[in-house]
Structures are given as C-alpha cells and as structure tokens.
C-alpha cells in the first residue's frame, strides 16, 4: 500500500519531500498541498504546515515532510513527529561574500528573518540589513540585479536545490532551531507511517532537534522571535548554543550548555533556564514590542 507524503509545492519543499520518498522507496508518492504560507497569509510559524496537518488528520495523506524550523513547538492533538532523517548543514550561508568580516562597511544585506537581522547587527552594526521575501530563486535574482550586496539563506536549502554555498561559522550566526533538519509528521496512531518514518530516522539528528525544540517551547518562541539554537554531538556530550537578541542587534544574550545526549530534553530545559536567568524573557518581550511597533 502506497504511503502518501504531503508537502508544499515550492521547489525546495518538493526537493525535500523527494529525498524522503527516495529513502522510503517505491511505496511512497507525493501529494502537493497549498499552505497559508504559500499565499503569504499570517505571520505565525504554523502557516507553512497548517493545511498539511489538516490533510493528515483527515486521512488524505499518511506522512508530512516539513522543514523542522517551520514546525511549531506544540503539535495539534492526534499528530506526532515520527521521524527525523540525517541533518544537512545547519549553518546560515552568505551569498556573495567570503565572510561577514569581508563585507564592505554599510553593505546592504537581505533577509526575511528577524533572527538573522539581530545576529548580523550584533556582529556588524554597520550593515544595512533590509527585509527580503520570496523563494530562493526570487531572492537570488534580486541579488543578481544589484538590489542587495549580499543575502543570508540556509545552507541546507541551497544545497538541496543544487546550489553551492559557504556556511557562516556558528560562533558568528547561531542557526534557527531545527535548521537543516527535516521532520516527518504523522497521525500518532498510524503504526505503518510511524514504522516507515523510523526506518529513515537518524538518532543523533533526532536528539539534537529534540533539545532545540525544547528551548523554543520553554521560551514560547515563534517564527518572529529573534532566537537561534543549535545542538551538536561532541564526543560523549551534547552541546547546545543559543542566542536571543533584539532585532536591531543592540542587546543580545549568547550561551552554551553541555549535557547528556541520552537526555536531550534536559539539555534544552537547562539552556532555556540559563537564558531566562540572564534576562532572555525581557529581551523577547522587547523584541515582540519592537516587531508590533
């Protein structure tokens, strides 16, 4: 019996879902679903997954493939994350420019992410960071047309579209939680879909993603929150790096926590507690007020 995989219709989403379908073999087929995010409706993180989750709950598809950074920390009742394939490069990539330090003073950098804006300005307050929306090809076209001096995009997304890029070191730009990871979502009681997803799951990637998502949940963050979280396995330890800041880069907190890789949720909670004790709650409230204004 064929597994129906729900996905958005963008080039990147189809490429990602195609990777999963190839892993699962001939028993998988793709079903394209238009989401609110494709229509640019709303600003909440769930706009990229809502309609696909509705199709899952209705039994119209069996599995959903999402970019992990698009999936809210709280899932609808009846759904569960059932698989995480091996993570791709989690870093941000700088398009046109060898490094942040080599960009000219006052260079115009395009991004749609408040997190990237905050981190760019924390590192280089002289940059002119401007909002830029659209799919990858649209953004790269704007760069080629000379509207921007550089762009910051996800290295994983560029790679999945066959475009070479150089990642920015994580000690300069902490990636978005889940960046580089794909999430497989299914109905919680669907054993067949769960077993199929488990067969392509990478345990290390799942552990890292779990820790990152716990930080997001504990801080009540959203896609409009300037927060970066990245976990990595370092020998027998799981190391989590986190960043919280204001969109203008004027104030920020950065921290690193190490813990037991067998208990990734505990590592995430410890990181969130440390961030909150250092004043992350006030920063996030100020960031929300800045965004609303």
Protein backbone atom coordinates (compact mmCIF):
# COMPACT_ATOMS: atom_id res chain seq x y z
CA UNK A 1 0.00 0.00 0.00
CA UNK A 2 1.38 3.38 -1.05
CA UNK A 3 2.37 5.97 1.55
CA UNK A 4 1.07 9.39 0.58
CA UNK A 5 3.50 12.14 1.53
CA UNK A 6 2.08 15.65 1.97
CA UNK A 7 4.31 18.57 1.04
CA UNK A 8 4.21 22.19 0.00
CA UNK A 9 4.60 22.87 -3.71
CA UNK A 10 7.70 25.11 -3.65
CA UNK A 11 10.83 23.86 -5.40
CA UNK A 12 12.61 23.44 -2.06
CA UNK A 13 9.71 21.64 -0.37
CA UNK A 14 9.35 19.25 -3.31
CA UNK A 15 13.09 18.57 -3.31
CA UNK A 16 12.99 17.79 0.41
CA UNK A 17 9.94 15.55 0.15
CA UNK A 18 11.51 13.84 -2.85
CA UNK A 19 14.56 12.98 -0.75
CA UNK A 20 12.33 11.31 1.83
CA UNK A 21 10.32 9.50 -0.84
CA UNK A 22 13.56 8.13 -2.29
CA UNK A 23 14.60 6.90 1.16
CA UNK A 24 11.27 5.13 1.63
CA UNK A 25 11.34 3.54 -1.83
CA UNK A 26 8.65 2.80 -4.38
CA UNK A 27 5.89 2.67 -1.75
CA UNK A 28 5.88 6.48 -1.43
CA UNK A 29 4.22 9.14 -3.58
CA UNK A 30 4.00 12.92 -3.17
CA UNK A 31 0.82 14.94 -2.69
CA UNK A 32 1.22 18.70 -3.10
CA UNK A 33 -0.78 20.89 -0.71
CA UNK A 34 -1.03 24.69 -0.83
CA UNK A 35 -0.50 26.28 2.60
CA UNK A 36 -1.24 29.69 4.08
CA UNK A 37 2.49 30.39 3.93
CA UNK A 38 2.45 29.91 0.16
CA UNK A 39 -0.33 32.52 -0.01
CA UNK A 40 1.54 34.80 2.47
CA UNK A 41 -1.39 34.65 4.91
CA UNK A 42 -0.46 35.35 8.56
CA UNK A 43 2.88 35.57 10.34
CA UNK A 44 2.70 32.58 12.67
CA UNK A 45 5.12 29.69 12.23
CA UNK A 46 2.29 27.24 11.60
CA UNK A 47 1.28 28.96 8.35
CA UNK A 48 3.63 26.63 6.47
CA UNK A 49 2.22 23.42 7.96
CA UNK A 50 -1.42 24.05 8.94
CA UNK A 51 -3.15 22.74 5.79
CA UNK A 52 -0.81 19.76 5.57
CA UNK A 53 -1.62 18.84 9.18
CA UNK A 54 -5.32 19.15 8.38
CA UNK A 55 -4.82 16.72 5.47
CA UNK A 56 -3.06 14.32 7.84
CA UNK A 57 -5.88 14.43 10.36
CA UNK A 58 -8.43 13.92 7.57
CA UNK A 59 -6.57 10.83 6.33
CA UNK A 60 -5.84 12.42 2.94
CA UNK A 61 -2.08 11.88 3.38
CA UNK A 62 -0.11 9.50 5.61
CA UNK A 63 3.12 11.40 6.22
CA UNK A 64 4.11 15.05 6.03
CA UNK A 65 7.59 16.36 5.31
CA UNK A 66 8.40 19.77 6.79
CA UNK A 67 11.47 21.91 7.31
CA UNK A 68 11.90 21.47 11.06
CA UNK A 69 12.23 25.21 11.64
CA UNK A 70 8.68 25.68 10.27
CA UNK A 71 7.06 23.30 12.77
CA UNK A 72 5.61 24.92 15.94
CA UNK A 73 6.72 23.52 19.28
CA UNK A 74 3.15 22.38 20.03
CA UNK A 75 1.52 19.98 17.58
CA UNK A 76 -2.22 19.50 17.06
CA UNK A 77 -3.83 16.72 19.08
CA UNK A 78 -3.55 13.40 17.27
CA UNK A 79 -0.32 14.23 15.41
CA UNK A 80 3.28 13.41 16.29
CA UNK A 81 6.79 13.82 14.96
CA UNK A 82 7.64 10.27 13.91
CA UNK A 83 10.94 10.69 12.10
CA UNK A 84 13.97 12.92 11.53
CA UNK A 85 16.36 11.94 8.70
CA UNK A 86 20.07 12.78 8.94
CA UNK A 87 20.57 16.50 9.29
CA UNK A 88 22.08 18.56 6.49
CA UNK A 89 24.34 21.57 7.07
CA UNK A 90 22.61 23.60 9.78
CA UNK A 91 24.52 26.81 9.14
CA UNK A 92 23.41 30.02 7.51
CA UNK A 93 25.10 30.77 4.20
CA UNK A 94 26.34 34.14 2.96
CA UNK A 95 25.56 34.60 -0.73
CA UNK A 96 28.11 36.83 -2.46
CA UNK A 97 30.80 37.39 0.13
CA UNK A 98 33.51 35.16 1.57
CA UNK A 99 32.73 36.11 5.16
CA UNK A 100 30.82 38.64 7.24
CA UNK A 101 34.06 40.40 8.14
CA UNK A 102 34.86 40.99 4.47
CA UNK A 103 31.59 42.74 3.61
CA UNK A 104 32.10 46.43 2.89
CA UNK A 105 31.06 48.93 5.52
CA UNK A 106 27.36 49.69 5.15
CA UNK A 107 26.78 46.74 2.81
CA UNK A 108 23.12 46.02 2.05
CA UNK A 109 22.23 42.52 3.25
CA UNK A 110 18.87 40.91 2.53
CA UNK A 111 16.96 38.57 4.84
CA UNK A 112 13.36 37.90 5.88
CA UNK A 113 14.43 36.62 9.32
CA UNK A 114 14.40 38.72 12.50
CA UNK A 115 16.84 36.22 13.99
CA UNK A 116 19.33 36.78 11.16
CA UNK A 117 18.83 40.54 11.37
CA UNK A 118 19.56 40.51 15.11
CA UNK A 119 22.64 38.35 14.75
CA UNK A 120 24.02 40.21 11.73
CA UNK A 121 23.73 43.55 13.52
CA UNK A 122 25.18 42.11 16.72
CA UNK A 123 28.30 41.13 14.73
CA UNK A 124 28.34 44.02 12.24
CA UNK A 125 26.25 47.00 13.46
CA UNK A 126 27.32 48.99 10.40
CA UNK A 127 25.46 46.72 7.94
CA UNK A 128 22.28 47.89 6.24
CA UNK A 129 20.02 44.84 6.80
CA UNK A 130 16.88 45.01 4.66
CA UNK A 131 13.83 42.78 4.53
CA UNK A 132 13.63 40.40 1.59
CA UNK A 133 10.89 37.82 0.96
CA UNK A 134 10.25 35.25 -1.76
CA UNK A 135 11.55 31.83 -2.69
CA UNK A 136 15.26 31.13 -3.10
CA UNK A 137 15.32 31.88 -6.84
CA UNK A 138 13.47 35.16 -6.34
CA UNK A 139 15.91 36.29 -3.68
CA UNK A 140 18.96 35.29 -5.71
CA UNK A 141 17.53 37.18 -8.70
CA UNK A 142 17.27 40.32 -6.57
CA UNK A 143 20.90 39.82 -5.57
CA UNK A 144 21.97 39.38 -9.21
CA UNK A 145 20.02 42.54 -10.14
CA UNK A 146 22.12 44.52 -7.67
CA UNK A 147 19.34 45.32 -5.19
CA UNK A 148 21.47 43.82 -2.39
CA UNK A 149 25.19 43.38 -1.79
CA UNK A 150 24.70 40.01 -0.08
CA UNK A 151 22.00 37.64 1.16
CA UNK A 152 21.82 35.23 4.07
CA UNK A 153 19.98 31.95 3.37
CA UNK A 154 20.02 28.46 4.86
CA UNK A 155 22.95 26.43 3.56
CA UNK A 156 20.84 23.26 3.63
CA UNK A 157 18.14 24.74 1.41
CA UNK A 158 20.69 25.93 -1.13
CA UNK A 159 22.36 22.52 -1.17
CA UNK A 160 19.04 20.70 -1.65
CA UNK A 161 18.42 22.89 -4.70
CA UNK A 162 21.86 22.04 -6.07
CA UNK A 163 23.42 25.43 -5.29
CA UNK A 164 26.86 25.60 -3.73
CA UNK A 165 27.38 27.88 -0.73
CA UNK A 166 29.77 28.52 2.12
CA UNK A 167 28.35 28.32 5.62
CA UNK A 168 28.86 31.08 8.17
CA UNK A 169 30.53 29.76 11.36
CA UNK A 170 28.05 29.03 14.15
CA UNK A 171 30.03 31.20 16.54
CA UNK A 172 29.00 34.16 14.32
CA UNK A 173 25.42 33.25 13.37
CA UNK A 174 23.61 30.68 15.52
CA UNK A 175 21.14 28.90 13.20
CA UNK A 176 17.38 28.82 13.67
CA UNK A 177 16.15 25.92 15.83
CA UNK A 178 15.84 22.88 13.59
CA UNK A 179 17.63 24.45 10.62
CA UNK A 180 18.98 21.76 8.30
CA UNK A 181 16.58 19.14 9.71
CA UNK A 182 13.55 17.61 8.06
CA UNK A 183 10.63 16.48 10.20
CA UNK A 184 8.30 13.62 9.34
CA UNK A 185 4.88 14.08 10.91
CA UNK A 186 2.04 11.55 11.01
CA UNK A 187 -1.09 10.63 12.92
CA UNK A 188 0.01 9.39 16.33
CA UNK A 189 -1.95 6.14 15.96
CA UNK A 190 -0.70 5.31 12.44
CA UNK A 191 1.75 2.48 13.10
CA UNK A 192 2.55 1.92 9.43
CA UNK A 193 3.59 5.52 8.83
CA UNK A 194 5.47 5.59 12.13
CA UNK A 195 7.46 2.47 11.26
CA UNK A 196 8.29 3.82 7.80
CA UNK A 197 9.50 7.14 9.27
CA UNK A 198 11.53 5.36 11.96
CA UNK A 199 13.36 3.41 9.26
CA UNK A 200 14.87 6.63 7.83
CA UNK A 201 15.48 8.38 11.17
CA UNK A 202 18.96 9.38 12.29
CA UNK A 203 19.18 9.10 16.09
CA UNK A 204 21.79 11.83 16.51
CA UNK A 205 19.78 14.32 14.44
CA UNK A 206 16.64 13.47 16.41
CA UNK A 207 18.42 14.10 19.71
CA UNK A 208 19.77 17.47 18.59
CA UNK A 209 16.41 18.56 17.23
CA UNK A 210 14.67 17.49 20.44
CA UNK A 211 16.96 19.69 22.54
CA UNK A 212 16.46 22.67 20.22
CA UNK A 213 12.68 22.35 20.16
CA UNK A 214 12.55 22.21 23.97
CA UNK A 215 14.32 25.59 24.13
CA UNK A 216 11.76 27.02 21.71
CA UNK A 217 8.88 25.67 23.77
CA UNK A 218 10.27 26.83 27.11
CA UNK A 219 10.85 30.36 25.74
CA UNK A 220 7.46 30.36 23.97
CA UNK A 221 9.25 31.42 20.79
CA UNK A 222 7.77 31.71 17.30
CA UNK A 223 8.98 32.27 13.74
CA UNK A 224 9.01 36.00 14.51
CA UNK A 225 11.26 35.58 17.55
CA UNK A 226 14.94 36.58 17.17
CA UNK A 227 16.31 33.35 18.64
CA UNK A 228 18.99 30.97 17.40
CA UNK A 229 19.51 27.49 18.85
CA UNK A 230 21.89 24.80 17.64
CA UNK A 231 22.76 21.47 19.26
CA UNK A 232 25.61 19.20 18.25
CA UNK A 233 27.10 15.96 19.49
CA UNK A 234 30.62 16.46 20.77
CA UNK A 235 32.09 13.11 21.77
CA UNK A 236 30.01 11.80 24.65
CA UNK A 237 28.28 15.14 25.21
CA UNK A 238 25.53 17.16 23.60
CA UNK A 239 26.47 20.84 23.31
CA UNK A 240 23.76 23.43 22.75
CA UNK A 241 24.48 27.02 21.68
CA UNK A 242 21.75 29.64 21.92
CA UNK A 243 21.27 33.30 21.00
CA UNK A 244 18.48 35.73 21.92
CA UNK A 245 18.60 39.36 20.90
CA UNK A 246 16.79 42.49 19.81
CA UNK A 247 16.17 42.88 16.07
CA UNK A 248 18.45 45.93 15.93
CA UNK A 249 21.37 43.99 17.44
CA UNK A 250 21.74 46.47 20.31
CA UNK A 251 21.23 43.87 23.07
CA UNK A 252 21.72 40.14 22.99
CA UNK A 253 22.47 37.06 25.09
CA UNK A 254 24.51 34.10 23.97
CA UNK A 255 25.08 30.94 25.99
CA UNK A 256 26.33 27.38 25.65
CA UNK A 257 25.24 24.35 27.65
CA UNK A 258 26.60 20.81 27.64
CA UNK A 259 24.75 17.72 28.82
CA UNK A 260 23.90 14.06 28.37
CA UNK A 261 22.99 13.18 24.74
CA UNK A 262 20.68 10.47 26.09
CA UNK A 263 18.62 13.21 27.77
CA UNK A 264 18.34 15.93 25.10
CA UNK A 265 15.17 17.43 26.56
CA UNK A 266 17.00 18.06 29.84
CA UNK A 267 19.79 19.84 27.94
CA UNK A 268 17.20 22.04 26.23
CA UNK A 269 15.48 22.87 29.51
CA UNK A 270 18.81 23.73 31.17
CA UNK A 271 19.68 26.06 28.29
CA UNK A 272 16.28 27.77 28.46
CA UNK A 273 16.57 28.24 32.23
CA UNK A 274 20.01 29.83 31.88
CA UNK A 275 18.78 32.15 29.13
CA UNK A 276 15.80 33.22 31.22
CA UNK A 277 18.01 33.83 34.27
CA UNK A 278 20.24 36.05 32.10
CA UNK A 279 17.26 38.19 31.05
CA UNK A 280 16.05 36.49 27.86
CA UNK A 281 12.42 36.97 28.87
CA UNK A 282 12.78 40.75 28.95
CA UNK A 283 14.65 40.74 25.64
CA UNK A 284 11.98 38.64 23.95
CA UNK A 285 9.23 40.92 25.32
CA UNK A 286 11.11 43.94 24.00
CA UNK A 287 11.57 42.20 20.64
CA UNK A 288 7.83 41.50 20.45
CA UNK A 289 7.09 45.16 21.21
CA UNK A 290 9.61 46.22 18.55
CA UNK A 291 8.01 43.91 15.99
CA UNK A 292 4.48 45.07 16.86
CA UNK A 293 5.55 48.67 16.51
